Amino acid sequence: MSKVFIDIAWNSKKHVCYDTDRDLFFEVDSLAELKDYDEIYLDNSLFPDMWQQLREVISNGKNVYYFTSPYGMWKA
């Protein structure tokens, strides 16, 4: 099963991606370009204009995981 981790970009910048199988970093303009991956892991930066991209990825049967921020959960 192929996995990709995404650092979500803002303001028309490219999303930085990491392919775990090929140990490769690359960039994409849209999450829809990740159609070759079964599992897509997103960082905690979702923006309102991304919902259409996410809908397209999910409707194609891909699993999308979202990391939420742990701030406030870790205390010394």
Protein backbone atom coordinates (compact mmCIF):
# COMPACT_ATOMS: atom_id res chain seq x y z
CA MET A 1 0.00 0.00 0.00
CA SER A 2 1.57 3.29 -1.07
CA LYS A 3 1.72 6.19 1.40
CA VAL A 4 2.46 9.87 1.03
CA PHE A 5 2.86 12.53 3.71
CA ILE A 6 1.86 16.10 2.77
CA ASP A 7 2.98 19.45 4.15
CA ILE A 8 0.02 21.60 3.08
CA ALA A 9 0.88 24.94 1.46
CA TRP A 10 -1.06 28.20 1.51
CA ASN A 11 -1.44 31.05 -1.02
CA SER A 12 -0.99 29.09 -4.26
CA LYS A 13 2.30 27.54 -3.19
CA LYS A 14 2.97 23.90 -3.96
CA HIS A 15 2.29 21.18 -1.40
CA VAL A 16 5.48 19.38 -0.36
CA CYS A 17 5.10 15.59 -0.36
CA TYR A 18 7.13 12.65 0.88
CA ASP A 19 6.76 9.22 -0.74
CA THR A 20 7.67 6.61 1.89
CA ASP A 21 8.21 3.75 -0.56
CA ARG A 22 10.64 5.61 -2.83
CA ASP A 23 12.15 7.83 -0.09
CA LEU A 24 11.46 10.81 -2.33
CA PHE A 25 10.34 14.41 -1.78
CA PHE A 26 8.28 16.15 -4.49
CA GLU A 27 5.76 18.98 -4.93
CA VAL A 28 2.20 19.11 -6.27
CA ASP A 29 -0.24 21.93 -6.96
CA SER A 30 -3.32 19.94 -5.97
CA LEU A 31 -4.08 16.96 -3.75
CA ALA A 32 -5.92 15.49 -6.73
CA GLU A 33 -2.51 14.80 -8.29
CA LEU A 34 -1.91 12.11 -5.65
CA LYS A 35 -4.17 9.56 -7.35
CA ASP A 36 -1.45 6.89 -7.31
CA TYR A 37 -1.36 6.75 -3.50
CA ASP A 38 -3.63 4.61 -1.34
CA GLU A 39 -2.99 6.46 1.93
CA ILE A 40 -2.57 10.23 2.15
CA TYR A 41 -1.44 11.81 5.42
CA LEU A 42 -2.02 15.54 5.85
CA ASP A 43 -0.40 17.87 8.36
CA ASN A 44 -2.56 20.06 10.56
CA SER A 45 -2.94 22.93 8.08
CA LEU A 46 -6.21 22.51 6.21
CA PHE A 47 -7.50 25.59 4.42
CA PRO A 48 -11.05 26.34 3.20
CA ASP A 49 -10.13 26.18 -0.50
CA MET A 50 -8.88 22.59 -0.14
CA TRP A 51 -12.23 20.87 0.44
CA GLN A 52 -12.87 20.28 -3.26
CA GLN A 53 -9.45 18.67 -3.63
CA LEU A 54 -10.09 16.45 -0.61
CA ARG A 55 -13.51 15.46 -1.91
CA GLU A 56 -11.99 14.37 -5.21
CA VAL A 57 -9.31 12.27 -3.49
CA ILE A 58 -11.77 10.62 -1.09
CA SER A 59 -14.35 9.93 -3.79
CA ASN A 60 -11.68 7.97 -5.68
CA GLY A 61 -11.47 5.54 -2.77
CA LYS A 62 -8.27 6.85 -1.17
CA ASN A 63 -7.79 6.93 2.60
CA VAL A 64 -6.96 10.39 3.94
CA TYR A 65 -5.61 10.90 7.44
CA TYR A 66 -5.33 14.25 9.17
CA PHE A 67 -2.90 15.04 12.00
CA THR A 68 -4.41 17.40 14.53
CA SER A 69 -2.37 19.73 16.65
CA PRO A 70 -1.25 18.36 20.02
CA TYR A 71 -0.90 21.87 21.51
CA GLY A 72 -2.34 21.99 24.97
CA MET A 73 -2.16 18.23 25.38
CA TRP A 74 1.52 18.08 26.36
CA LYS A 75 2.32 19.54 29.74
CA ALA A 76 5.58 19.55 31.67
